[in-house]
Amino acid sequence: GYPFEYRDRKPFDYFRFWGDLYFGGAGDKVINNVMGYGIWYGENF
């Protein structure tokens, strides 16, 4: 989604998601970091 478009917002018309995966390190977990957020309500101006 494009956050700076003027429109009526519904839940998750705009969201971000990212994840970090690690391989080959002793003791490290593969799924290292997963994060995200999505809009529920918003206004552009």
ModelCIF file with pLDDT and N, C-alpha, C, O atoms, coordinates in Angstrom:
data_MODEL
#
_entry.id   MODEL 
#
_entity.id                         1 
_entity.type                       polymer 
_entity.pdbx_number_of_molecules   1 
#
_entity_poly.entity_id                      1 
_entity_poly.type                           'polypeptide(L)' 
_entity_poly.nstd_linkage                   no 
_entity_poly.nstd_monomer                   no 
_entity_poly.pdbx_seq_one_letter_code       GYPFEYRDRKPFDYFRFWGDLYFGGAGDKVINNVMGYGIWYGENF 
_entity_poly.pdbx_seq_one_letter_code_can   GYPFEYRDRKPFDYFRFWGDLYFGGAGDKVINNVMGYGIWYGENF 
_entity_poly.pdbx_strand_id                 A 
#
loop_
_entity_poly_seq.entity_id 
_entity_poly_seq.num 
_entity_poly_seq.mon_id 
_entity_poly_seq.hetero 
1 1  GLY n 
1 2  TYR n 
1 3  PRO n 
1 4  PHE n 
1 5  GLU n 
1 6  TYR n 
1 7  ARG n 
1 8  ASP n 
1 9  ARG n 
1 10 LYS n 
1 11 PRO n 
1 12 PHE n 
1 13 ASP n 
1 14 TYR n 
1 15 PHE n 
1 16 ARG n 
1 17 PHE n 
1 18 TRP n 
1 19 GLY n 
1 20 ASP n 
1 21 LEU n 
1 22 TYR n 
1 23 PHE n 
1 24 GLY n 
1 25 GLY n 
1 26 ALA n 
1 27 GLY n 
1 28 ASP n 
1 29 LYS n 
1 30 VAL n 
1 31 ILE n 
1 32 ASN n 
1 33 ASN n 
1 34 VAL n 
1 35 MET n 
1 36 GLY n 
1 37 TYR n 
1 38 GLY n 
1 39 ILE n 
1 40 TRP n 
1 41 TYR n 
1 42 GLY n 
1 43 GLU n 
1 44 ASN n 
1 45 PHE n 
#
_struct_asym.id          A 
_struct_asym.entity_id   1 
#
loop_
_ma_qa_metric.id 
_ma_qa_metric.mode 
_ma_qa_metric.name 
_ma_qa_metric.software_group_id 
_ma_qa_metric.type 
1 global pLDDT . pLDDT 
2 local  pLDDT . pLDDT 
#
_ma_qa_metric_global.metric_id      1 
_ma_qa_metric_global.metric_value   89.96 
_ma_qa_metric_global.model_id       1 
_ma_qa_metric_global.ordinal_id     1 
#
loop_
_ma_qa_metric_local.label_asym_id 
_ma_qa_metric_local.label_comp_id 
_ma_qa_metric_local.label_seq_id 
_ma_qa_metric_local.metric_id 
_ma_qa_metric_local.metric_value 
_ma_qa_metric_local.model_id 
_ma_qa_metric_local.ordinal_id 
A GLY 1  2 93.00 1 1  
A TYR 2  2 91.00 1 2  
A PRO 3  2 94.00 1 3  
A PHE 4  2 93.00 1 4  
A GLU 5  2 89.00 1 5  
A TYR 6  2 89.00 1 6  
A ARG 7  2 88.00 1 7  
A ASP 8  2 89.00 1 8  
A ARG 9  2 92.00 1 9  
A LYS 10 2 94.00 1 10 
A PRO 11 2 96.00 1 11 
A PHE 12 2 97.00 1 12 
A ASP 13 2 95.00 1 13 
A TYR 14 2 96.00 1 14 
A PHE 15 2 97.00 1 15 
A ARG 16 2 96.00 1 16 
A PHE 17 2 95.00 1 17 
A TRP 18 2 94.00 1 18 
A GLY 19 2 94.00 1 19 
A ASP 20 2 93.00 1 20 
A LEU 21 2 91.00 1 21 
A TYR 22 2 89.00 1 22 
A PHE 23 2 87.00 1 23 
A GLY 24 2 79.00 1 24 
A GLY 25 2 67.00 1 25 
A ALA 26 2 55.00 1 26 
A GLY 27 2 58.00 1 27 
A ASP 28 2 63.00 1 28 
A LYS 29 2 80.00 1 29 
A VAL 30 2 87.00 1 30 
A ILE 31 2 90.00 1 31 
A ASN 32 2 89.00 1 32 
A ASN 33 2 93.00 1 33 
A VAL 34 2 95.00 1 34 
A MET 35 2 96.00 1 35 
A GLY 36 2 96.00 1 36 
A TYR 37 2 98.00 1 37 
A GLY 38 2 98.00 1 38 
A ILE 39 2 98.00 1 39 
A TRP 40 2 97.00 1 40 
A TYR 41 2 96.00 1 41 
A GLY 42 2 96.00 1 42 
A GLU 43 2 95.00 1 43 
A ASN 44 2 95.00 1 44 
A PHE 45 2 95.00 1 45 
#
loop_
_atom_site.group_PDB 
_atom_site.id 
_atom_site.type_symbol 
_atom_site.label_atom_id 
_atom_site.label_alt_id 
_atom_site.label_comp_id 
_atom_site.label_asym_id 
_atom_site.label_entity_id 
_atom_site.label_seq_id 
_atom_site.pdbx_PDB_ins_code 
_atom_site.Cartn_x 
_atom_site.Cartn_y 
_atom_site.Cartn_z 
_atom_site.occupancy 
_atom_site.B_iso_or_equiv 
_atom_site.pdbx_formal_charge 
_atom_site.auth_seq_id 
_atom_site.auth_comp_id 
_atom_site.auth_asym_id 
_atom_site.auth_atom_id 
_atom_site.pdbx_PDB_model_num 
ATOM 1   N N  . GLY A 1 1  ? 0.811   -1.201  0.000  1.00 93.00 ? 1  GLY A N  1 
ATOM 2   C CA . GLY A 1 1  ? 0.000   0.000   0.000  1.00 93.00 ? 1  GLY A CA 1 
ATOM 3   C C  . GLY A 1 1  ? 0.847   1.256   0.000  1.00 93.00 ? 1  GLY A C  1 
ATOM 4   O O  . GLY A 1 1  ? 1.974   1.266   0.495  1.00 93.00 ? 1  GLY A O  1 
ATOM 5   N N  . TYR A 1 2  ? 0.283   2.316   -0.566 1.00 91.00 ? 2  TYR A N  1 
ATOM 6   C CA . TYR A 1 2  ? 0.988   3.595   -0.610 1.00 91.00 ? 2  TYR A CA 1 
ATOM 7   C C  . TYR A 1 2  ? 0.439   4.488   0.499  1.00 91.00 ? 2  TYR A C  1 
ATOM 8   O O  . TYR A 1 2  ? -0.717  4.902   0.425  1.00 91.00 ? 2  TYR A O  1 
ATOM 9   N N  . PRO A 1 3  ? 1.240   4.800   1.535  1.00 94.00 ? 3  PRO A N  1 
ATOM 10  C CA . PRO A 1 3  ? 0.695   5.472   2.724  1.00 94.00 ? 3  PRO A CA 1 
ATOM 11  C C  . PRO A 1 3  ? 0.262   6.912   2.493  1.00 94.00 ? 3  PRO A C  1 
ATOM 12  O O  . PRO A 1 3  ? -0.486  7.456   3.305  1.00 94.00 ? 3  PRO A O  1 
ATOM 13  N N  . PHE A 1 4  ? 0.707   7.548   1.410  1.00 93.00 ? 4  PHE A N  1 
ATOM 14  C CA . PHE A 1 4  ? 0.420   8.963   1.223  1.00 93.00 ? 4  PHE A CA 1 
ATOM 15  C C  . PHE A 1 4  ? -0.649  9.212   0.162  1.00 93.00 ? 4  PHE A C  1 
ATOM 16  O O  . PHE A 1 4  ? -0.738  10.309  -0.389 1.00 93.00 ? 4  PHE A O  1 
ATOM 17  N N  . GLU A 1 5  ? -1.455  8.198   -0.123 1.00 89.00 ? 5  GLU A N  1 
ATOM 18  C CA . GLU A 1 5  ? -2.589  8.352   -1.015 1.00 89.00 ? 5  GLU A CA 1 
ATOM 19  C C  . GLU A 1 5  ? -3.799  8.821   -0.206 1.00 89.00 ? 5  GLU A C  1 
ATOM 20  O O  . GLU A 1 5  ? -4.092  8.264   0.853  1.00 89.00 ? 5  GLU A O  1 
ATOM 21  N N  . TYR A 1 6  ? -4.496  9.834   -0.698 1.00 89.00 ? 6  TYR A N  1 
ATOM 22  C CA . TYR A 1 6  ? -5.675  10.358  -0.014 1.00 89.00 ? 6  TYR A CA 1 
ATOM 23  C C  . TYR A 1 6  ? -6.855  9.431   -0.300 1.00 89.00 ? 6  TYR A C  1 
ATOM 24  O O  . TYR A 1 6  ? -7.281  9.287   -1.446 1.00 89.00 ? 6  TYR A O  1 
ATOM 25  N N  . ARG A 1 7  ? -7.381  8.799   0.764  1.00 88.00 ? 7  ARG A N  1 
ATOM 26  C CA . ARG A 1 7  ? -8.447  7.828   0.592  1.00 88.00 ? 7  ARG A CA 1 
ATOM 27  C C  . ARG A 1 7  ? -9.047  7.497   1.941  1.00 88.00 ? 7  ARG A C  1 
ATOM 28  O O  . ARG A 1 7  ? -8.461  7.809   2.977  1.00 88.00 ? 7  ARG A O  1 
ATOM 29  N N  . ASP A 1 8  ? -10.217 6.864   1.938  1.00 89.00 ? 8  ASP A N  1 
ATOM 30  C CA . ASP A 1 8  ? -10.782 6.318   3.166  1.00 89.00 ? 8  ASP A CA 1 
ATOM 31  C C  . ASP A 1 8  ? -10.023 5.038   3.495  1.00 89.00 ? 8  ASP A C  1 
ATOM 32  O O  . ASP A 1 8  ? -9.893  4.151   2.652  1.00 89.00 ? 8  ASP A O  1 
ATOM 33  N N  . ARG A 1 9  ? -9.523  4.948   4.724  1.00 92.00 ? 9  ARG A N  1 
ATOM 34  C CA . ARG A 1 9  ? -8.668  3.822   5.118  1.00 92.00 ? 9  ARG A CA 1 
ATOM 35  C C  . ARG A 1 9  ? -9.476  2.715   5.777  1.00 92.00 ? 9  ARG A C  1 
ATOM 36  O O  . ARG A 1 9  ? -10.290 2.960   6.668  1.00 92.00 ? 9  ARG A O  1 
ATOM 37  N N  . LYS A 1 10 ? -9.231  1.488   5.318  1.00 94.00 ? 10 LYS A N  1 
ATOM 38  C CA . LYS A 1 10 ? -9.749  0.293   5.968  1.00 94.00 ? 10 LYS A CA 1 
ATOM 39  C C  . LYS A 1 10 ? -8.573  -0.421  6.648  1.00 94.00 ? 10 LYS A C  1 
ATOM 40  O O  . LYS A 1 10 ? -7.415  -0.135  6.343  1.00 94.00 ? 10 LYS A O  1 
ATOM 41  N N  . PRO A 1 11 ? -8.870  -1.356  7.573  1.00 96.00 ? 11 PRO A N  1 
ATOM 42  C CA . PRO A 1 11 ? -7.773  -2.091  8.216  1.00 96.00 ? 11 PRO A CA 1 
ATOM 43  C C  . PRO A 1 11 ? -6.870  -2.784  7.205  1.00 96.00 ? 11 PRO A C  1 
ATOM 44  O O  . PRO A 1 11 ? -7.330  -3.547  6.355  1.00 96.00 ? 11 PRO A O  1 
ATOM 45  N N  . PHE A 1 12 ? -5.580  -2.504  7.313  1.00 97.00 ? 12 PHE A N  1 
ATOM 46  C CA . PHE A 1 12 ? -4.512  -3.150  6.548  1.00 97.00 ? 12 PHE A CA 1 
ATOM 47  C C  . PHE A 1 12 ? -4.501  -2.762  5.067  1.00 97.00 ? 12 PHE A C  1 
ATOM 48  O O  . PHE A 1 12 ? -3.966  -3.499  4.239  1.00 97.00 ? 12 PHE A O  1 
ATOM 49  N N  . ASP A 1 13 ? -5.095  -1.598  4.726  1.00 95.00 ? 13 ASP A N  1 
ATOM 50  C CA . ASP A 1 13 ? -4.847  -1.045  3.400  1.00 95.00 ? 13 ASP A CA 1 
ATOM 51  C C  . ASP A 1 13 ? -3.378  -0.669  3.247  1.00 95.00 ? 13 ASP A C  1 
ATOM 52  O O  . ASP A 1 13 ? -2.857  -0.580  2.135  1.00 95.00 ? 13 ASP A O  1 
ATOM 53  N N  . TYR A 1 14 ? -2.725  -0.452  4.379  1.00 96.00 ? 14 TYR A N  1 
ATOM 54  C CA . TYR A 1 14 ? -1.279  -0.222  4.386  1.00 96.00 ? 14 TYR A CA 1 
ATOM 55  C C  . TYR A 1 14 ? -0.670  -1.046  5.503  1.00 96.00 ? 14 TYR A C  1 
ATOM 56  O O  . TYR A 1 14 ? -1.141  -1.002  6.639  1.00 96.00 ? 14 TYR A O  1 
ATOM 57  N N  . PHE A 1 15 ? 0.386   -1.807  5.183  1.00 97.00 ? 15 PHE A N  1 
ATOM 58  C CA . PHE A 1 15 ? 1.124   -2.516  6.227  1.00 97.00 ? 15 PHE A CA 1 
ATOM 59  C C  . PHE A 1 15 ? 2.559   -2.744  5.806  1.00 97.00 ? 15 PHE A C  1 
ATOM 60  O O  . PHE A 1 15 ? 2.905   -2.642  4.629  1.00 97.00 ? 15 PHE A O  1 
ATOM 61  N N  . ARG A 1 16 ? 3.389   -3.055  6.791  1.00 96.00 ? 16 ARG A N  1 
ATOM 62  C CA . ARG A 1 16 ? 4.792   -3.396  6.563  1.00 96.00 ? 16 ARG A CA 1 
ATOM 63  C C  . ARG A 1 16 ? 5.094   -4.711  7.274  1.00 96.00 ? 16 ARG A C  1 
ATOM 64  O O  . ARG A 1 16 ? 4.505   -5.035  8.305  1.00 96.00 ? 16 ARG A O  1 
ATOM 65  N N  . PHE A 1 17 ? 6.025   -5.453  6.693  1.00 95.00 ? 17 PHE A N  1 
ATOM 66  C CA . PHE A 1 17 ? 6.425   -6.745  7.266  1.00 95.00 ? 17 PHE A CA 1 
ATOM 67  C C  . PHE A 1 17 ? 7.887   -6.974  6.924  1.00 95.00 ? 17 PHE A C  1 
ATOM 68  O O  . PHE A 1 17 ? 8.304   -6.711  5.796  1.00 95.00 ? 17 PHE A O  1 
ATOM 69  N N  . TRP A 1 18 ? 8.669   -7.457  7.875  1.00 94.00 ? 18 TRP A N  1 
ATOM 70  C CA . TRP A 1 18 ? 10.051  -7.802  7.573  1.00 94.00 ? 18 TRP A CA 1 
ATOM 71  C C  . TRP A 1 18 ? 10.522  -8.930  8.496  1.00 94.00 ? 18 TRP A C  1 
ATOM 72  O O  . TRP A 1 18 ? 10.045  -9.089  9.619  1.00 94.00 ? 18 TRP A O  1 
ATOM 73  N N  . GLY A 1 19 ? 11.465  -9.693  7.982  1.00 94.00 ? 19 GLY A N  1 
ATOM 74  C CA . GLY A 1 19 ? 11.997  -10.816 8.741  1.00 94.00 ? 19 GLY A CA 1 
ATOM 75  C C  . GLY A 1 19 ? 13.466  -11.031 8.454  1.00 94.00 ? 19 GLY A C  1 
ATOM 76  O O  . GLY A 1 19 ? 13.926  -10.816 7.332  1.00 94.00 ? 19 GLY A O  1 
ATOM 77  N N  . ASP A 1 20 ? 14.216  -11.464 9.482  1.00 93.00 ? 20 ASP A N  1 
ATOM 78  C CA . ASP A 1 20 ? 15.637  -11.770 9.362  1.00 93.00 ? 20 ASP A CA 1 
ATOM 79  C C  . ASP A 1 20 ? 15.843  -13.251 9.640  1.00 93.00 ? 20 ASP A C  1 
ATOM 80  O O  . ASP A 1 20 ? 15.432  -13.760 10.683 1.00 93.00 ? 20 ASP A O  1 
ATOM 81  N N  . LEU A 1 21 ? 16.480  -13.935 8.702  1.00 91.00 ? 21 LEU A N  1 
ATOM 82  C CA . LEU A 1 21 ? 16.758  -15.360 8.832  1.00 91.00 ? 21 LEU A CA 1 
ATOM 83  C C  . LEU A 1 21 ? 18.266  -15.551 8.879  1.00 91.00 ? 21 LEU A C  1 
ATOM 84  O O  . LEU A 1 21 ? 18.995  -14.994 8.058  1.00 91.00 ? 21 LEU A O  1 
ATOM 85  N N  . TYR A 1 22 ? 18.735  -16.346 9.850  1.00 89.00 ? 22 TYR A N  1 
ATOM 86  C CA . TYR A 1 22 ? 20.175  -16.579 10.026 1.00 89.00 ? 22 TYR A CA 1 
ATOM 87  C C  . TYR A 1 22 ? 20.495  -18.035 9.749  1.00 89.00 ? 22 TYR A C  1 
ATOM 88  O O  . TYR A 1 22 ? 19.751  -18.934 10.142 1.00 89.00 ? 22 TYR A O  1 
ATOM 89  N N  . PHE A 1 23 ? 21.616  -18.260 9.065  1.00 87.00 ? 23 PHE A N  1 
ATOM 90  C CA . PHE A 1 23 ? 22.050  -19.614 8.728  1.00 87.00 ? 23 PHE A CA 1 
ATOM 91  C C  . PHE A 1 23 ? 23.536  -19.762 9.039  1.00 87.00 ? 23 PHE A C  1 
ATOM 92  O O  . PHE A 1 23 ? 24.328  -18.853 8.793  1.00 87.00 ? 23 PHE A O  1 
ATOM 93  N N  . GLY A 1 24 ? 23.900  -20.916 9.581  1.00 79.00 ? 24 GLY A N  1 
ATOM 94  C CA . GLY A 1 24 ? 25.311  -21.244 9.714  1.00 79.00 ? 24 GLY A CA 1 
ATOM 95  C C  . GLY A 1 24 ? 25.981  -20.802 10.991 1.00 79.00 ? 24 GLY A C  1 
ATOM 96  O O  . GLY A 1 24 ? 27.173  -21.058 11.160 1.00 79.00 ? 24 GLY A O  1 
ATOM 97  N N  . GLY A 1 25 ? 25.277  -20.148 11.904 1.00 67.00 ? 25 GLY A N  1 
ATOM 98  C CA . GLY A 1 25 ? 25.898  -19.690 13.141 1.00 67.00 ? 25 GLY A CA 1 
ATOM 99  C C  . GLY A 1 25 ? 25.670  -20.667 14.276 1.00 67.00 ? 25 GLY A C  1 
ATOM 100 O O  . GLY A 1 25 ? 24.552  -21.148 14.458 1.00 67.00 ? 25 GLY A O  1 
ATOM 101 N N  . ALA A 1 26 ? 26.703  -20.968 15.038 1.00 55.00 ? 26 ALA A N  1 
ATOM 102 C CA . ALA A 1 26 ? 26.573  -21.885 16.165 1.00 55.00 ? 26 ALA A CA 1 
ATOM 103 C C  . ALA A 1 26 ? 25.667  -21.275 17.228 1.00 55.00 ? 26 ALA A C  1 
ATOM 104 O O  . ALA A 1 26 ? 25.914  -20.166 17.702 1.00 55.00 ? 26 ALA A O  1 
ATOM 105 N N  . GLY A 1 27 ? 24.616  -22.008 17.599 1.00 58.00 ? 27 GLY A N  1 
ATOM 106 C CA . GLY A 1 27 ? 23.738  -21.558 18.666 1.00 58.00 ? 27 GLY A CA 1 
ATOM 107 C C  . GLY A 1 27 ? 22.667  -20.581 18.244 1.00 58.00 ? 27 GLY A C  1 
ATOM 108 O O  . GLY A 1 27 ? 21.772  -20.279 19.034 1.00 58.00 ? 27 GLY A O  1 
ATOM 109 N N  . ASP A 1 28 ? 22.726  -20.074 17.021 1.00 63.00 ? 28 ASP A N  1 
ATOM 110 C CA . ASP A 1 28 ? 21.720  -19.105 16.576 1.00 63.00 ? 28 ASP A CA 1 
ATOM 111 C C  . ASP A 1 28 ? 20.489  -19.814 16.048 1.00 63.00 ? 28 ASP A C  1 
ATOM 112 O O  . ASP A 1 28 ? 20.570  -20.915 15.504 1.00 63.00 ? 28 ASP A O  1 
ATOM 113 N N  . LYS A 1 29 ? 19.359  -19.172 16.217 1.00 80.00 ? 29 LYS A N  1 
ATOM 114 C CA . LYS A 1 29 ? 18.103  -19.686 15.698 1.00 80.00 ? 29 LYS A CA 1 
ATOM 115 C C  . LYS A 1 29 ? 17.898  -19.162 14.291 1.00 80.00 ? 29 LYS A C  1 
ATOM 116 O O  . LYS A 1 29 ? 18.327  -18.053 13.971 1.00 80.00 ? 29 LYS A O  1 
ATOM 117 N N  . VAL A 1 30 ? 17.252  -19.944 13.455 1.00 87.00 ? 30 VAL A N  1 
ATOM 118 C CA . VAL A 1 30 ? 17.091  -19.559 12.055 1.00 87.00 ? 30 VAL A CA 1 
ATOM 119 C C  . VAL A 1 30 ? 16.172  -18.351 11.935 1.00 87.00 ? 30 VAL A C  1 
ATOM 120 O O  . VAL A 1 30 ? 16.538  -17.355 11.311 1.00 87.00 ? 30 VAL A O  1 
ATOM 121 N N  . ILE A 1 31 ? 14.979  -18.428 12.529 1.00 90.00 ? 31 ILE A N  1 
ATOM 122 C CA . ILE A 1 31 ? 14.056  -17.294 12.496 1.00 90.00 ? 31 ILE A CA 1 
ATOM 123 C C  . ILE A 1 31 ? 14.465  -16.359 13.620 1.00 90.00 ? 31 ILE A C  1 
ATOM 124 O O  . ILE A 1 31 ? 14.113  -16.566 14.781 1.00 90.00 ? 31 ILE A O  1 
ATOM 125 N N  . ASN A 1 32 ? 15.205  -15.337 13.260 1.00 89.00 ? 32 ASN A N  1 
ATOM 126 C CA . ASN A 1 32 ? 15.832  -14.465 14.243 1.00 89.00 ? 32 ASN A CA 1 
ATOM 127 C C  . ASN A 1 32 ? 14.948  -13.285 14.620 1.00 89.00 ? 32 ASN A C  1 
ATOM 128 O O  . ASN A 1 32 ? 14.890  -12.898 15.787 1.00 89.00 ? 32 ASN A O  1 
ATOM 129 N N  . ASN A 1 33 ? 14.271  -12.721 13.653 1.00 93.00 ? 33 ASN A N  1 
ATOM 130 C CA . ASN A 1 33 ? 13.501  -11.509 13.893 1.00 93.00 ? 33 ASN A CA 1 
ATOM 131 C C  . ASN A 1 33 ? 12.364  -11.429 12.872 1.00 93.00 ? 33 ASN A C  1 
ATOM 132 O O  . ASN A 1 33 ? 12.610  -11.464 11.667 1.00 93.00 ? 33 ASN A O  1 
ATOM 133 N N  . VAL A 1 34 ? 11.136  -11.322 13.344 1.00 95.00 ? 34 VAL A N  1 
ATOM 134 C CA . VAL A 1 34 ? 9.977   -11.126 12.486 1.00 95.00 ? 34 VAL A CA 1 
ATOM 135 C C  . VAL A 1 34 ? 9.167   -9.972  13.068 1.00 95.00 ? 34 VAL A C  1 
ATOM 136 O O  . VAL A 1 34 ? 8.815   -9.987  14.248 1.00 95.00 ? 34 VAL A O  1 
ATOM 137 N N  . MET A 1 35 ? 8.875   -8.974  12.239 1.00 96.00 ? 35 MET A N  1 
ATOM 138 C CA . MET A 1 35 ? 8.165   -7.801  12.738 1.00 96.00 ? 35 MET A CA 1 
ATOM 139 C C  . MET A 1 35 ? 7.193   -7.304  11.671 1.00 96.00 ? 35 MET A C  1 
ATOM 140 O O  . MET A 1 35 ? 7.381   -7.537  10.477 1.00 96.00 ? 35 MET A O  1 
ATOM 141 N N  . GLY A 1 36 ? 6.175   -6.628  12.122 1.00 96.00 ? 36 GLY A N  1 
ATOM 142 C CA . GLY A 1 36 ? 5.236   -6.056  11.173 1.00 96.00 ? 36 GLY A CA 1 
ATOM 143 C C  . GLY A 1 36 ? 4.229   -5.179  11.869 1.00 96.00 ? 36 GLY A C  1 
ATOM 144 O O  . GLY A 1 36 ? 4.008   -5.288  13.075 1.00 96.00 ? 36 GLY A O  1 
ATOM 145 N N  . TYR A 1 37 ? 3.612   -4.293  11.078 1.00 98.00 ? 37 TYR A N  1 
ATOM 146 C CA . TYR A 1 37 ? 2.508   -3.510  11.606 1.00 98.00 ? 37 TYR A CA 1 
ATOM 147 C C  . TYR A 1 37 ? 1.566   -3.145  10.468 1.00 98.00 ? 37 TYR A C  1 
ATOM 148 O O  . TYR A 1 37 ? 1.973   -3.044  9.311  1.00 98.00 ? 37 TYR A O  1 
ATOM 149 N N  . GLY A 1 38 ? 0.297   -2.950  10.820 1.00 98.00 ? 38 GLY A N  1 
ATOM 150 C CA . GLY A 1 38 ? -0.706  -2.591  9.839  1.00 98.00 ? 38 GLY A CA 1 
ATOM 151 C C  . GLY A 1 38 ? -1.643  -1.542  10.392 1.00 98.00 ? 38 GLY A C  1 
ATOM 152 O O  . GLY A 1 38 ? -1.882  -1.479  11.598 1.00 98.00 ? 38 GLY A O  1 
ATOM 153 N N  . ILE A 1 39 ? -2.170  -0.721  9.506  1.00 98.00 ? 39 ILE A N  1 
ATOM 154 C CA . ILE A 1 39 ? -3.056  0.356   9.929  1.00 98.00 ? 39 ILE A CA 1 
ATOM 155 C C  . ILE A 1 39 ? -4.458  -0.177  10.201 1.00 98.00 ? 39 ILE A C  1 
ATOM 156 O O  . ILE A 1 39 ? -4.958  -1.021  9.457  1.00 98.00 ? 39 ILE A O  1 
ATOM 157 N N  . TRP A 1 40 ? -5.095  0.314   11.265 1.00 97.00 ? 40 TRP A N  1 
ATOM 158 C CA . TRP A 1 40 ? -6.503  0.037   11.538 1.00 97.00 ? 40 TRP A CA 1 
ATOM 159 C C  . TRP A 1 40 ? -7.370  1.217   11.115 1.00 97.00 ? 40 TRP A C  1 
ATOM 160 O O  . TRP A 1 40 ? -8.439  1.047   10.528 1.00 97.00 ? 40 TRP A O  1 
ATOM 161 N N  . TYR A 1 41 ? -6.892  2.401   11.421 1.00 96.00 ? 41 TYR A N  1 
ATOM 162 C CA . TYR A 1 41 ? -7.626  3.617   11.061 1.00 96.00 ? 41 TYR A CA 1 
ATOM 163 C C  . TYR A 1 41 ? -6.613  4.721   10.826 1.00 96.00 ? 41 TYR A C  1 
ATOM 164 O O  . TYR A 1 41 ? -5.619  4.816   11.546 1.00 96.00 ? 41 TYR A O  1 
ATOM 165 N N  . GLY A 1 42 ? -6.857  5.571   9.811  1.00 96.00 ? 42 GLY A N  1 
ATOM 166 C CA . GLY A 1 42 ? -5.916  6.648   9.555  1.00 96.00 ? 42 GLY A CA 1 
ATOM 167 C C  . GLY A 1 42 ? -6.498  7.736   8.678  1.00 96.00 ? 42 GLY A C  1 
ATOM 168 O O  . GLY A 1 42 ? -7.516  7.546   8.014  1.00 96.00 ? 42 GLY A O  1 
ATOM 169 N N  . GLU A 1 43 ? -5.829  8.885   8.688  1.00 95.00 ? 43 GLU A N  1 
ATOM 170 C CA . GLU A 1 43 ? -6.204  10.024  7.868  1.00 95.00 ? 43 GLU A CA 1 
ATOM 171 C C  . GLU A 1 43 ? -4.956  10.598  7.208  1.00 95.00 ? 43 GLU A C  1 
ATOM 172 O O  . GLU A 1 43 ? -3.893  10.680  7.823  1.00 95.00 ? 43 GLU A O  1 
ATOM 173 N N  . ASN A 1 44 ? -5.104  10.992  5.955  1.00 95.00 ? 44 ASN A N  1 
ATOM 174 C CA . ASN A 1 44 ? -4.027  11.650  5.225  1.00 95.00 ? 44 ASN A CA 1 
ATOM 175 C C  . ASN A 1 44 ? -4.258  13.156  5.197  1.00 95.00 ? 44 ASN A C  1 
ATOM 176 O O  . ASN A 1 44 ? -5.393  13.622  5.094  1.00 95.00 ? 44 ASN A O  1 
ATOM 177 N N  . PHE A 1 45 ? -3.173  13.904  5.290  1.00 95.00 ? 45 PHE A N  1 
ATOM 178 C CA . PHE A 1 45 ? -3.243  15.342  5.115  1.00 95.00 ? 45 PHE A CA 1 
ATOM 179 C C  . PHE A 1 45 ? -1.868  15.851  4.690  1.00 95.00 ? 45 PHE A C  1 
ATOM 180 O O  . PHE A 1 45 ? -1.691  17.051  4.483  1.00 95.00 ? 45 PHE A O  1 
#
